[in-house]
Amino acid sequence: MRDKITLIIACIYVLFSSYTFALDASFDLSVNPEANASAVVGTMELRWNTKYNSIFNFSFTPSTEISTVIPGFGTGIQSTEVNRFQCDILPLSFSLNTFFCDMGLSFGASYIGISEKVFALFNDTDGVLTETGTYVAYKNNRDATIWSPRVGVSFSNFNTGLIRISYTGYVSPLYFLSLQQEVSYDFLSYPSTNHISRWSSPYFDQRLDINIYNLRGVISHSYQRLDFQTMDWDSNGERLIGVDDVQSINNVQLGLELLMPIRAGTVRFKGGVYWQNNYTSSTYWNTVIHSDRFTFSFGIEG
C-alpha cells in the first residue's frame, strides 16, 4: 500500500503546488483521539476563480484492539491491527449560484487502502480444529485497495439571522476492489491465500452542519456495500477456501462543536463531542455487529 500512497502524494503535490496561482485557499484539520483508534481527517480547497475550485479530502485511522474472547472458542487472546487510509482528489469543482443557496458540484477520484493483521492464541477446548485441549496460534492478514470515481455535491448559505445550514455529500456509484488475504494456523504446514478483484457499489458519505454563532451541530452518515470474499474451511473441514460475502456498513454520527477564533480573520480552533452508531452485517456469517460510543475531536479550520 505504501507505493500507492506515495503515488497519490505525488499527484497531490502536483495538483496543489500551484497554490500561488489560486485566489485563496481554505482548510479543515481534525484529530479524533481514542484509546484504541485515533483518526486524522483533513480537507483542503483551492479556489482558482469565482466559479472553479479543486478539493482534496483525506483521512487516516490506525487502530489496535485486544480481545480475550475468541468467537466459537471461548477465552484466549486476540490482537487486531487495522490501518485505513482514504483520499479524495477532486480537481474539477465548480459553484452554481441559485436563488435560494450556493450549490457546488465536484468530480474526481477516490482511493482507499486497508491493511488488517489479526493474531490469536487460544485453547481448542472442544477439539473443533485439532485435538481437544490443544493451544492454537492463528494469523489472518488482509490488504485491500479500492479505486473509484467520486462525485460531490454541496449546498450552503441557508441564512436566517445567526443560523447557517450547509450540506456536503460524496458518492462513489461504482468502485473496484482488490483484496489479498492470507490465513495460517500453526498446525498447518503452509498458509492459505486468496486474491480477488471485483466491482462493487455503492459507497457514499454525507454531512449536515447547522451553525449558530460559535456552535455547530453535526449530523453525518456513511454507507458502503462491500462485495468481496473471506476465507473459511471447506465442507470437509480439510482446507481453507475463499467464499463470497457481502457486508453492509452503516455509520451515523451526531455531534456538537465549539468554534473559537484564533485571531482576527477566518482561522478558528474547534473542539467537539460526538455520539457514533456503527452497524455492520454479513451475509456469509449471518451476523450483525452493532456498537455505539462517544468520541472527542479537536482541530483548526480556516
C-alpha atoms as a PDB file:
ATOM      1  CA  MET A   1       0.000   0.000   0.000  1.00  0.00           C
ATOM      2  CA  ARG A   2       2.968   2.343   0.547  1.00  0.00           C
ATOM      3  CA  ASP A   3       3.781   2.659  -3.166  1.00  0.00           C
ATOM      4  CA  LYS A   4       0.196   3.636  -3.962  1.00  0.00           C
ATOM      5  CA  ILE A   5       0.141   6.221  -1.170  1.00  0.00           C
ATOM      6  CA  THR A   6       3.440   7.627  -2.479  1.00  0.00           C
ATOM      7  CA  LEU A   7       1.924   7.975  -5.958  1.00  0.00           C
ATOM      8  CA  ILE A   8      -1.138   9.717  -4.551  1.00  0.00           C
ATOM      9  CA  ILE A   9       1.000  12.126  -2.528  1.00  0.00           C
ATOM     10  CA  ALA A  10       2.933  12.964  -5.713  1.00  0.00           C
ATOM     11  CA  CYS A  11      -0.344  13.688  -7.538  1.00  0.00           C
ATOM     12  CA  ILE A  12      -1.499  15.866  -4.670  1.00  0.00           C
ATOM     13  CA  TYR A  13       1.781  17.771  -4.743  1.00  0.00           C
ATOM     14  CA  VAL A  14       1.428  18.428  -8.468  1.00  0.00           C
ATOM     15  CA  LEU A  15      -2.180  19.484  -8.024  1.00  0.00           C
ATOM     16  CA  PHE A  16      -1.602  21.887  -5.140  1.00  0.00           C
ATOM     17  CA  SER A  17       1.937  23.089  -5.859  1.00  0.00           C
ATOM     18  CA  SER A  18       0.270  25.789  -7.942  1.00  0.00           C
ATOM     19  CA  TYR A  19      -1.187  27.286  -4.758  1.00  0.00           C
ATOM     20  CA  THR A  20       0.302  30.682  -5.658  1.00  0.00           C
ATOM     21  CA  PHE A  21      -1.931  30.783  -8.744  1.00  0.00           C
ATOM     22  CA  ALA A  22      -5.114  30.365  -6.705  1.00  0.00           C
ATOM     23  CA  LEU A  23      -7.208  33.251  -5.453  1.00  0.00           C
ATOM     24  CA  ASP A  24      -7.401  31.789  -1.951  1.00  0.00           C
ATOM     25  CA  ALA A  25      -7.497  28.523  -0.014  1.00  0.00           C
ATOM     26  CA  SER A  26      -9.468  27.022   2.858  1.00  0.00           C
ATOM     27  CA  PHE A  27      -8.651  24.070   5.094  1.00  0.00           C
ATOM     28  CA  ASP A  28     -10.051  21.895   7.861  1.00  0.00           C
ATOM     29  CA  LEU A  29      -7.916  19.580  10.021  1.00  0.00           C
ATOM     30  CA  SER A  30      -9.203  17.436  12.906  1.00  0.00           C
ATOM     31  CA  VAL A  31      -7.825  14.786  15.255  1.00  0.00           C
ATOM     32  CA  ASN A  32     -10.076  12.248  16.964  1.00  0.00           C
ATOM     33  CA  PRO A  33      -8.106  10.693  19.835  1.00  0.00           C
ATOM     34  CA  GLU A  34      -9.351   7.384  21.240  1.00  0.00           C
ATOM     35  CA  ALA A  35      -7.889   4.642  23.392  1.00  0.00           C
ATOM     36  CA  ASN A  36      -7.758   2.052  20.589  1.00  0.00           C
ATOM     37  CA  ALA A  37      -8.079   4.162  17.439  1.00  0.00           C
ATOM     38  CA  SER A  38      -7.179   7.749  16.563  1.00  0.00           C
ATOM     39  CA  ALA A  39      -8.251   9.353  13.308  1.00  0.00           C
ATOM     40  CA  VAL A  40      -6.766  12.301  11.428  1.00  0.00           C
ATOM     41  CA  VAL A  41      -9.188  13.941   8.987  1.00  0.00           C
ATOM     42  CA  GLY A  42      -8.453  16.857   6.690  1.00  0.00           C
ATOM     43  CA  THR A  43      -9.807  18.891   3.795  1.00  0.00           C
ATOM     44  CA  MET A  44      -8.133  21.470   1.575  1.00  0.00           C
ATOM     45  CA  GLU A  45      -9.816  23.555  -1.095  1.00  0.00           C
ATOM     46  CA  LEU A  46      -8.187  25.847  -3.631  1.00  0.00           C
ATOM     47  CA  ARG A  47     -10.338  28.484  -5.323  1.00  0.00           C
ATOM     48  CA  TRP A  48      -8.994  29.303  -8.778  1.00  0.00           C
ATOM     49  CA  ASN A  49     -11.630  31.920  -9.574  1.00  0.00           C
ATOM     50  CA  THR A  50     -15.183  32.774  -8.590  1.00  0.00           C
ATOM     51  CA  LYS A  51     -16.551  29.544 -10.065  1.00  0.00           C
ATOM     52  CA  TYR A  52     -13.890  26.825 -10.145  1.00  0.00           C
ATOM     53  CA  ASN A  53     -12.181  25.029  -7.214  1.00  0.00           C
ATOM     54  CA  SER A  54     -10.070  21.958  -6.507  1.00  0.00           C
ATOM     55  CA  ILE A  55     -10.745  19.829  -3.411  1.00  0.00           C
ATOM     56  CA  PHE A  56      -8.647  17.286  -1.532  1.00  0.00           C
ATOM     57  CA  ASN A  57     -10.056  15.201   1.341  1.00  0.00           C
ATOM     58  CA  PHE A  58      -8.106  12.649   3.362  1.00  0.00           C
ATOM     59  CA  SER A  59      -8.426  10.508   6.480  1.00  0.00           C
ATOM     60  CA  PHE A  60      -6.068   8.116   8.247  1.00  0.00           C
ATOM     61  CA  THR A  61      -7.247   5.785  11.019  1.00  0.00           C
ATOM     62  CA  PRO A  62      -4.872   3.361  12.757  1.00  0.00           C
ATOM     63  CA  SER A  63      -6.499   1.105  15.354  1.00  0.00           C
ATOM     64  CA  THR A  64      -5.481  -1.717  17.697  1.00  0.00           C
ATOM     65  CA  GLU A  65      -7.923  -3.915  19.595  1.00  0.00           C
ATOM     66  CA  ILE A  66      -7.134  -6.613  22.160  1.00  0.00           C
ATOM     67  CA  SER A  67      -9.803  -9.190  22.968  1.00  0.00           C
ATOM     68  CA  THR A  68      -9.823 -12.056  25.461  1.00  0.00           C
ATOM     69  CA  VAL A  69     -12.858 -13.779  23.941  1.00  0.00           C
ATOM     70  CA  ILE A  70     -12.415 -15.755  20.694  1.00  0.00           C
ATOM     71  CA  PRO A  71     -15.735 -16.298  18.878  1.00  0.00           C
ATOM     72  CA  GLY A  72     -16.528 -20.011  18.837  1.00  0.00           C
ATOM     73  CA  PHE A  73     -13.677 -20.987  21.156  1.00  0.00           C
ATOM     74  CA  GLY A  74     -14.157 -19.080  24.406  1.00  0.00           C
ATOM     75  CA  THR A  75     -11.281 -17.454  26.233  1.00  0.00           C
ATOM     76  CA  GLY A  76      -7.928 -16.633  24.656  1.00  0.00           C
ATOM     77  CA  ILE A  77      -6.156 -13.556  23.391  1.00  0.00           C
ATOM     78  CA  GLN A  78      -6.592 -11.855  20.042  1.00  0.00           C
ATOM     79  CA  SER A  79      -4.880  -8.773  18.663  1.00  0.00           C
ATOM     80  CA  THR A  80      -6.346  -6.904  15.687  1.00  0.00           C
ATOM     81  CA  GLU A  81      -4.430  -4.077  13.979  1.00  0.00           C
ATOM     82  CA  VAL A  82      -6.121  -2.085  11.232  1.00  0.00           C
ATOM     83  CA  ASN A  83      -4.747   0.839   9.216  1.00  0.00           C
ATOM     84  CA  ARG A  84      -7.166   2.652   6.921  1.00  0.00           C
ATOM     85  CA  PHE A  85      -6.212   5.491   4.586  1.00  0.00           C
ATOM     86  CA  GLN A  86      -8.584   7.323   2.260  1.00  0.00           C
ATOM     87  CA  CYS A  87      -8.144  10.310  -0.004  1.00  0.00           C
ATOM     88  CA  ASP A  88     -10.427  12.019  -2.486  1.00  0.00           C
ATOM     89  CA  ILE A  89      -8.903  14.152  -5.223  1.00  0.00           C
ATOM     90  CA  LEU A  90     -11.480  16.308  -6.975  1.00  0.00           C
ATOM     91  CA  PRO A  91      -9.611  18.637  -9.353  1.00  0.00           C
ATOM     92  CA  LEU A  92     -12.815  19.877 -11.004  1.00  0.00           C
ATOM     93  CA  SER A  93     -15.264  21.595  -8.681  1.00  0.00           C
ATOM     94  CA  PHE A  94     -17.483  24.462  -9.691  1.00  0.00           C
ATOM     95  CA  SER A  95     -20.052  26.666  -7.989  1.00  0.00           C
ATOM     96  CA  LEU A  96     -23.580  27.465  -9.049  1.00  0.00           C
ATOM     97  CA  ASN A  97     -25.445  30.400  -7.579  1.00  0.00           C
ATOM     98  CA  THR A  98     -29.123  29.598  -7.286  1.00  0.00           C
ATOM     99  CA  PHE A  99     -31.942  31.764  -5.993  1.00  0.00           C
ATOM    100  CA  PHE A 100     -32.017  30.041  -2.594  1.00  0.00           C
ATOM    101  CA  CYS A 101     -28.413  28.999  -1.936  1.00  0.00           C
ATOM    102  CA  ASP A 102     -24.909  28.362  -3.252  1.00  0.00           C
ATOM    103  CA  MET A 103     -24.547  24.944  -4.858  1.00  0.00           C
ATOM    104  CA  GLY A 104     -21.326  23.109  -5.681  1.00  0.00           C
ATOM    105  CA  LEU A 105     -20.551  20.104  -7.882  1.00  0.00           C
ATOM    106  CA  SER A 106     -17.259  18.184  -7.739  1.00  0.00           C
ATOM    107  CA  PHE A 107     -15.771  15.433  -9.892  1.00  0.00           C
ATOM    108  CA  GLY A 108     -12.686  13.320  -9.295  1.00  0.00           C
ATOM    109  CA  ALA A 109     -11.454  10.002  -7.912  1.00  0.00           C
ATOM    110  CA  SER A 110     -11.086   8.254  -4.575  1.00  0.00           C
ATOM    111  CA  TYR A 111      -8.578   5.783  -3.151  1.00  0.00           C
ATOM    112  CA  ILE A 112      -8.966   3.626  -0.030  1.00  0.00           C
ATOM    113  CA  GLY A 113      -6.204   1.404   1.353  1.00  0.00           C
ATOM    114  CA  ILE A 114      -6.885  -1.003   4.224  1.00  0.00           C
ATOM    115  CA  SER A 115      -4.385  -3.248   5.999  1.00  0.00           C
ATOM    116  CA  GLU A 116      -5.602  -5.672   8.686  1.00  0.00           C
ATOM    117  CA  LYS A 117      -3.483  -8.021  10.795  1.00  0.00           C
ATOM    118  CA  VAL A 118      -5.043 -10.457  13.266  1.00  0.00           C
ATOM    119  CA  PHE A 119      -3.164 -12.748  15.643  1.00  0.00           C
ATOM    120  CA  ALA A 120      -4.889 -15.079  18.108  1.00  0.00           C
ATOM    121  CA  LEU A 121      -3.800 -17.685  20.645  1.00  0.00           C
ATOM    122  CA  PHE A 122      -6.482 -19.868  22.208  1.00  0.00           C
ATOM    123  CA  ASN A 123      -7.216 -23.309  23.651  1.00  0.00           C
ATOM    124  CA  ASP A 124      -9.277 -25.619  21.446  1.00  0.00           C
ATOM    125  CA  THR A 125     -11.215 -26.989  24.414  1.00  0.00           C
ATOM    126  CA  ASP A 126     -13.842 -28.791  22.280  1.00  0.00           C
ATOM    127  CA  GLY A 127     -11.489 -30.114  19.615  1.00  0.00           C
ATOM    128  CA  VAL A 128     -13.089 -28.109  16.817  1.00  0.00           C
ATOM    129  CA  LEU A 129      -9.880 -27.629  14.817  1.00  0.00           C
ATOM    130  CA  THR A 130      -7.427 -30.121  16.300  1.00  0.00           C
ATOM    131  CA  GLU A 131      -7.019 -32.355  19.357  1.00  0.00           C
ATOM    132  CA  THR A 132      -9.036 -31.389  22.409  1.00  0.00           C
ATOM    133  CA  GLY A 133      -7.159 -29.084  24.766  1.00  0.00           C
ATOM    134  CA  THR A 134      -4.503 -28.090  22.221  1.00  0.00           C
ATOM    135  CA  TYR A 135      -3.364 -24.472  22.073  1.00  0.00           C
ATOM    136  CA  VAL A 136      -3.737 -22.976  18.609  1.00  0.00           C
ATOM    137  CA  ALA A 137      -1.988 -19.957  17.080  1.00  0.00           C
ATOM    138  CA  TYR A 138      -3.842 -18.219  14.261  1.00  0.00           C
ATOM    139  CA  LYS A 139      -2.991 -15.393  11.838  1.00  0.00           C
ATOM    140  CA  ASN A 140      -5.208 -13.591   9.344  1.00  0.00           C
ATOM    141  CA  ASN A 141      -3.705 -10.821   7.199  1.00  0.00           C
ATOM    142  CA  ARG A 142      -5.724  -8.833   4.665  1.00  0.00           C
ATOM    143  CA  ASP A 143      -4.705  -5.998   2.350  1.00  0.00           C
ATOM    144  CA  ALA A 144      -7.293  -4.231   0.232  1.00  0.00           C
ATOM    145  CA  THR A 145      -7.270  -1.326  -2.212  1.00  0.00           C
ATOM    146  CA  ILE A 146     -10.373   0.403  -3.543  1.00  0.00           C
ATOM    147  CA  TRP A 147     -10.391   2.781  -6.520  1.00  0.00           C
ATOM    148  CA  SER A 148     -13.488   4.638  -7.617  1.00  0.00           C
ATOM    149  CA  PRO A 149     -14.831   7.710  -9.394  1.00  0.00           C
ATOM    150  CA  ARG A 150     -16.066  10.306  -6.910  1.00  0.00           C
ATOM    151  CA  VAL A 151     -18.847  12.841  -7.269  1.00  0.00           C
ATOM    152  CA  GLY A 152     -19.638  15.511  -4.702  1.00  0.00           C
ATOM    153  CA  VAL A 153     -22.483  17.930  -4.167  1.00  0.00           C
ATOM    154  CA  SER A 154     -22.821  20.755  -1.633  1.00  0.00           C
ATOM    155  CA  PHE A 155     -25.390  23.324  -0.584  1.00  0.00           C
ATOM    156  CA  SER A 156     -24.705  26.264   1.678  1.00  0.00           C
ATOM    157  CA  ASN A 157     -25.705  29.784   2.699  1.00  0.00           C
ATOM    158  CA  PHE A 158     -29.118  28.959   4.041  1.00  0.00           C
ATOM    159  CA  ASN A 159     -29.042  32.016   6.270  1.00  0.00           C
ATOM    160  CA  THR A 160     -31.664  33.022   8.817  1.00  0.00           C
ATOM    161  CA  GLY A 161     -30.159  35.559  11.182  1.00  0.00           C
ATOM    162  CA  LEU A 162     -27.326  33.830  13.043  1.00  0.00           C
ATOM    163  CA  ILE A 163     -28.228  30.388  11.658  1.00  0.00           C
ATOM    164  CA  ARG A 164     -26.336  28.923   8.699  1.00  0.00           C
ATOM    165  CA  ILE A 165     -27.033  25.463   7.284  1.00  0.00           C
ATOM    166  CA  SER A 166     -24.748  23.596   4.899  1.00  0.00           C
ATOM    167  CA  TYR A 167     -24.729  20.115   3.376  1.00  0.00           C
ATOM    168  CA  THR A 168     -21.939  18.135   1.700  1.00  0.00           C
ATOM    169  CA  GLY A 169     -22.233  14.680   0.164  1.00  0.00           C
ATOM    170  CA  TYR A 170     -19.907  12.411  -1.799  1.00  0.00           C
ATOM    171  CA  VAL A 171     -20.799   9.244  -3.680  1.00  0.00           C
ATOM    172  CA  SER A 172     -18.884   6.516  -5.497  1.00  0.00           C
ATOM    173  CA  PRO A 173     -21.574   4.834  -7.615  1.00  0.00           C
ATOM    174  CA  LEU A 174     -19.159   2.055  -8.565  1.00  0.00           C
ATOM    175  CA  TYR A 175     -15.756   1.022  -7.226  1.00  0.00           C
ATOM    176  CA  PHE A 176     -13.052  -1.561  -7.962  1.00  0.00           C
ATOM    177  CA  LEU A 177     -11.826  -3.721  -5.080  1.00  0.00           C
ATOM    178  CA  SER A 178      -8.600  -5.732  -4.971  1.00  0.00           C
ATOM    179  CA  LEU A 179      -8.159  -7.956  -1.898  1.00  0.00           C
ATOM    180  CA  GLN A 180      -5.276 -10.198  -0.851  1.00  0.00           C
ATOM    181  CA  GLN A 181      -5.806 -12.480   2.178  1.00  0.00           C
ATOM    182  CA  GLU A 182      -3.506 -14.935   3.933  1.00  0.00           C
ATOM    183  CA  VAL A 183      -4.666 -17.220   6.764  1.00  0.00           C
ATOM    184  CA  SER A 184      -2.435 -19.570   8.743  1.00  0.00           C
ATOM    185  CA  TYR A 185      -2.756 -21.989  11.670  1.00  0.00           C
ATOM    186  CA  ASP A 186       0.253 -23.405  13.450  1.00  0.00           C
ATOM    187  CA  PHE A 187      -0.945 -26.981  12.814  1.00  0.00           C
ATOM    188  CA  LEU A 188      -0.980 -26.407   9.032  1.00  0.00           C
ATOM    189  CA  SER A 189       2.244 -26.852   7.075  1.00  0.00           C
ATOM    190  CA  TYR A 190       1.706 -23.708   4.965  1.00  0.00           C
ATOM    191  CA  PRO A 191      -0.615 -20.669   4.930  1.00  0.00           C
ATOM    192  CA  SER A 192      -3.683 -20.446   2.695  1.00  0.00           C
ATOM    193  CA  THR A 193      -4.025 -17.449   0.389  1.00  0.00           C
ATOM    194  CA  ASN A 194      -6.807 -15.933  -1.655  1.00  0.00           C
ATOM    195  CA  HIS A 195      -6.858 -12.986  -4.052  1.00  0.00           C
ATOM    196  CA  ILE A 196      -9.896 -11.427  -5.686  1.00  0.00           C
ATOM    197  CA  SER A 197     -10.599  -8.390  -7.841  1.00  0.00           C
ATOM    198  CA  ARG A 198     -14.166  -7.318  -8.462  1.00  0.00           C
ATOM    199  CA  TRP A 199     -16.515  -4.393  -8.899  1.00  0.00           C
ATOM    200  CA  SER A 200     -18.928  -3.361  -6.187  1.00  0.00           C
ATOM    201  CA  SER A 201     -21.268  -0.496  -5.278  1.00  0.00           C
ATOM    202  CA  PRO A 202     -22.190   1.869  -3.779  1.00  0.00           C
ATOM    203  CA  TYR A 203     -20.193   3.898  -1.272  1.00  0.00           C
ATOM    204  CA  PHE A 204     -21.272   7.329  -0.052  1.00  0.00           C
ATOM    205  CA  ASP A 205     -20.949   9.690   2.887  1.00  0.00           C
ATOM    206  CA  GLN A 206     -22.791  12.883   3.734  1.00  0.00           C
ATOM    207  CA  ARG A 207     -22.746  15.597   6.372  1.00  0.00           C
ATOM    208  CA  LEU A 208     -25.137  18.311   7.522  1.00  0.00           C
ATOM    209  CA  ASP A 209     -23.847  21.298   9.533  1.00  0.00           C
ATOM    210  CA  ILE A 210     -26.064  23.708  11.460  1.00  0.00           C
ATOM    211  CA  ASN A 211     -24.127  26.767  12.651  1.00  0.00           C
ATOM    212  CA  ILE A 212     -25.488  29.087  15.334  1.00  0.00           C
ATOM    213  CA  TYR A 213     -22.920  31.772  16.173  1.00  0.00           C
ATOM    214  CA  ASN A 214     -19.915  29.818  17.576  1.00  0.00           C
ATOM    215  CA  LEU A 215     -21.742  26.496  17.947  1.00  0.00           C
ATOM    216  CA  ARG A 216     -22.124  23.865  15.239  1.00  0.00           C
ATOM    217  CA  GLY A 217     -24.401  20.853  15.222  1.00  0.00           C
ATOM    218  CA  VAL A 218     -23.164  17.972  13.070  1.00  0.00           C
ATOM    219  CA  ILE A 219     -25.093  15.079  11.535  1.00  0.00           C
ATOM    220  CA  SER A 220     -23.106  12.685   9.340  1.00  0.00           C
ATOM    221  CA  HIS A 221     -23.795   9.323   7.742  1.00  0.00           C
ATOM    222  CA  SER A 222     -21.835   6.886   5.593  1.00  0.00           C
ATOM    223  CA  TYR A 223     -22.818   3.641   3.895  1.00  0.00           C
ATOM    224  CA  GLN A 224     -20.813   1.048   1.988  1.00  0.00           C
ATOM    225  CA  ARG A 225     -21.890  -2.183   0.381  1.00  0.00           C
ATOM    226  CA  LEU A 226     -18.794  -4.389   0.256  1.00  0.00           C
ATOM    227  CA  ASP A 227     -18.991  -7.348  -2.134  1.00  0.00           C
ATOM    228  CA  PHE A 228     -15.862  -9.434  -1.569  1.00  0.00           C
ATOM    229  CA  GLN A 229     -14.603 -12.810  -0.313  1.00  0.00           C
ATOM    230  CA  THR A 230     -13.495 -14.099   3.063  1.00  0.00           C
ATOM    231  CA  MET A 231     -11.870 -17.442   3.908  1.00  0.00           C
ATOM    232  CA  ASP A 232     -13.390 -20.430   5.703  1.00  0.00           C
ATOM    233  CA  TRP A 233     -12.981 -24.184   5.886  1.00  0.00           C
ATOM    234  CA  ASP A 234     -14.413 -26.264   3.034  1.00  0.00           C
ATOM    235  CA  SER A 235     -17.330 -28.652   3.602  1.00  0.00           C
ATOM    236  CA  ASN A 236     -14.908 -31.434   4.586  1.00  0.00           C
ATOM    237  CA  GLY A 237     -13.015 -29.246   7.048  1.00  0.00           C
ATOM    238  CA  GLU A 238      -9.725 -30.049   5.320  1.00  0.00           C
ATOM    239  CA  ARG A 239      -8.596 -26.787   3.727  1.00  0.00           C
ATOM    240  CA  LEU A 240      -9.330 -23.065   3.680  1.00  0.00           C
ATOM    241  CA  ILE A 241     -11.092 -21.634   0.638  1.00  0.00           C
ATOM    242  CA  GLY A 242     -12.439 -18.277  -0.483  1.00  0.00           C
ATOM    243  CA  VAL A 243     -16.180 -17.793  -0.007  1.00  0.00           C
ATOM    244  CA  ASP A 244     -18.401 -14.936  -1.175  1.00  0.00           C
ATOM    245  CA  ASP A 245     -19.561 -12.455   1.427  1.00  0.00           C
ATOM    246  CA  VAL A 246     -21.445  -9.162   1.246  1.00  0.00           C
ATOM    247  CA  GLN A 247     -21.124  -6.691   4.101  1.00  0.00           C
ATOM    248  CA  SER A 248     -23.293  -3.636   4.649  1.00  0.00           C
ATOM    249  CA  ILE A 249     -21.542  -0.974   6.717  1.00  0.00           C
ATOM    250  CA  ASN A 250     -23.549   1.926   8.177  1.00  0.00           C
ATOM    251  CA  ASN A 251     -22.087   4.682  10.358  1.00  0.00           C
ATOM    252  CA  VAL A 252     -24.079   7.550  11.895  1.00  0.00           C
ATOM    253  CA  GLN A 253     -22.612  10.416  13.927  1.00  0.00           C
ATOM    254  CA  LEU A 254     -24.275  13.214  15.892  1.00  0.00           C
ATOM    255  CA  GLY A 255     -22.060  15.927  17.339  1.00  0.00           C
ATOM    256  CA  LEU A 256     -21.766  19.381  18.817  1.00  0.00           C
ATOM    257  CA  GLU A 257     -18.730  21.577  18.117  1.00  0.00           C
ATOM    258  CA  LEU A 258     -17.487  24.769  19.737  1.00  0.00           C
ATOM    259  CA  LEU A 259     -15.695  27.220  17.413  1.00  0.00           C
ATOM    260  CA  MET A 260     -13.203  29.741  18.812  1.00  0.00           C
ATOM    261  CA  PRO A 261     -11.438  32.361  16.635  1.00  0.00           C
ATOM    262  CA  ILE A 262      -7.658  32.085  16.947  1.00  0.00           C
ATOM    263  CA  ARG A 263      -7.009  35.554  15.594  1.00  0.00           C
ATOM    264  CA  ALA A 264      -8.753  38.226  13.604  1.00  0.00           C
ATOM    265  CA  GLY A 265      -9.915  36.592  10.388  1.00  0.00           C
ATOM    266  CA  THR A 266     -11.364  33.206   9.492  1.00  0.00           C
ATOM    267  CA  VAL A 267      -8.992  30.782  11.267  1.00  0.00           C
ATOM    268  CA  ARG A 268     -10.735  29.067  14.176  1.00  0.00           C
ATOM    269  CA  PHE A 269     -10.000  26.396  16.749  1.00  0.00           C
ATOM    270  CA  LYS A 270     -12.695  23.769  17.145  1.00  0.00           C
ATOM    271  CA  GLY A 271     -13.469  21.109  19.691  1.00  0.00           C
ATOM    272  CA  GLY A 272     -16.398  18.732  19.738  1.00  0.00           C
ATOM    273  CA  VAL A 273     -18.104  15.736  21.291  1.00  0.00           C
ATOM    274  CA  TYR A 274     -19.891  13.145  19.161  1.00  0.00           C
ATOM    275  CA  TRP A 275     -22.084  10.095  19.512  1.00  0.00           C
ATOM    276  CA  GLN A 276     -21.317   7.392  16.940  1.00  0.00           C
ATOM    277  CA  ASN A 277     -23.515   4.469  15.965  1.00  0.00           C
ATOM    278  CA  ASN A 278     -21.968   1.695  13.849  1.00  0.00           C
ATOM    279  CA  TYR A 279     -23.856  -1.170  12.214  1.00  0.00           C
ATOM    280  CA  THR A 280     -22.257  -3.946  10.119  1.00  0.00           C
ATOM    281  CA  SER A 281     -23.968  -7.031   8.698  1.00  0.00           C
ATOM    282  CA  SER A 282     -22.523 -10.063   6.883  1.00  0.00           C
ATOM    283  CA  THR A 283     -24.432 -12.359   4.527  1.00  0.00           C
ATOM    284  CA  TYR A 284     -21.980 -15.294   4.805  1.00  0.00           C
ATOM    285  CA  TRP A 285     -21.521 -15.339   8.566  1.00  0.00           C
ATOM    286  CA  ASN A 286     -25.152 -14.264   9.052  1.00  0.00           C
ATOM    287  CA  THR A 287     -24.060 -11.828  11.759  1.00  0.00           C
ATOM    288  CA  VAL A 288     -24.896  -8.286  12.753  1.00  0.00           C
ATOM    289  CA  ILE A 289     -22.386  -6.207  14.717  1.00  0.00           C
ATOM    290  CA  HIS A 290     -23.746  -3.095  16.394  1.00  0.00           C
ATOM    291  CA  SER A 291     -21.833  -0.641  18.568  1.00  0.00           C
ATOM    292  CA  ASP A 292     -22.155   2.915  19.770  1.00  0.00           C
ATOM    293  CA  ARG A 293     -19.791   5.191  21.665  1.00  0.00           C
ATOM    294  CA  PHE A 294     -18.906   8.787  22.465  1.00  0.00           C
ATOM    295  CA  THR A 295     -15.804  10.350  20.903  1.00  0.00           C
ATOM    296  CA  PHE A 296     -13.992  13.680  21.061  1.00  0.00           C
ATOM    297  CA  SER A 297     -12.297  15.818  18.428  1.00  0.00           C
ATOM    298  CA  PHE A 298     -10.207  18.950  18.164  1.00  0.00           C
ATOM    299  CA  GLY A 299      -8.670  20.838  15.264  1.00  0.00           C
ATOM    300  CA  ILE A 300      -8.453  24.056  13.275  1.00  0.00           C
ATOM    301  CA  GLU A 301     -10.203  25.407  10.214  1.00  0.00           C
ATOM    302  CA  GLY A 302      -9.898  28.467   8.074  1.00  0.00           C
END
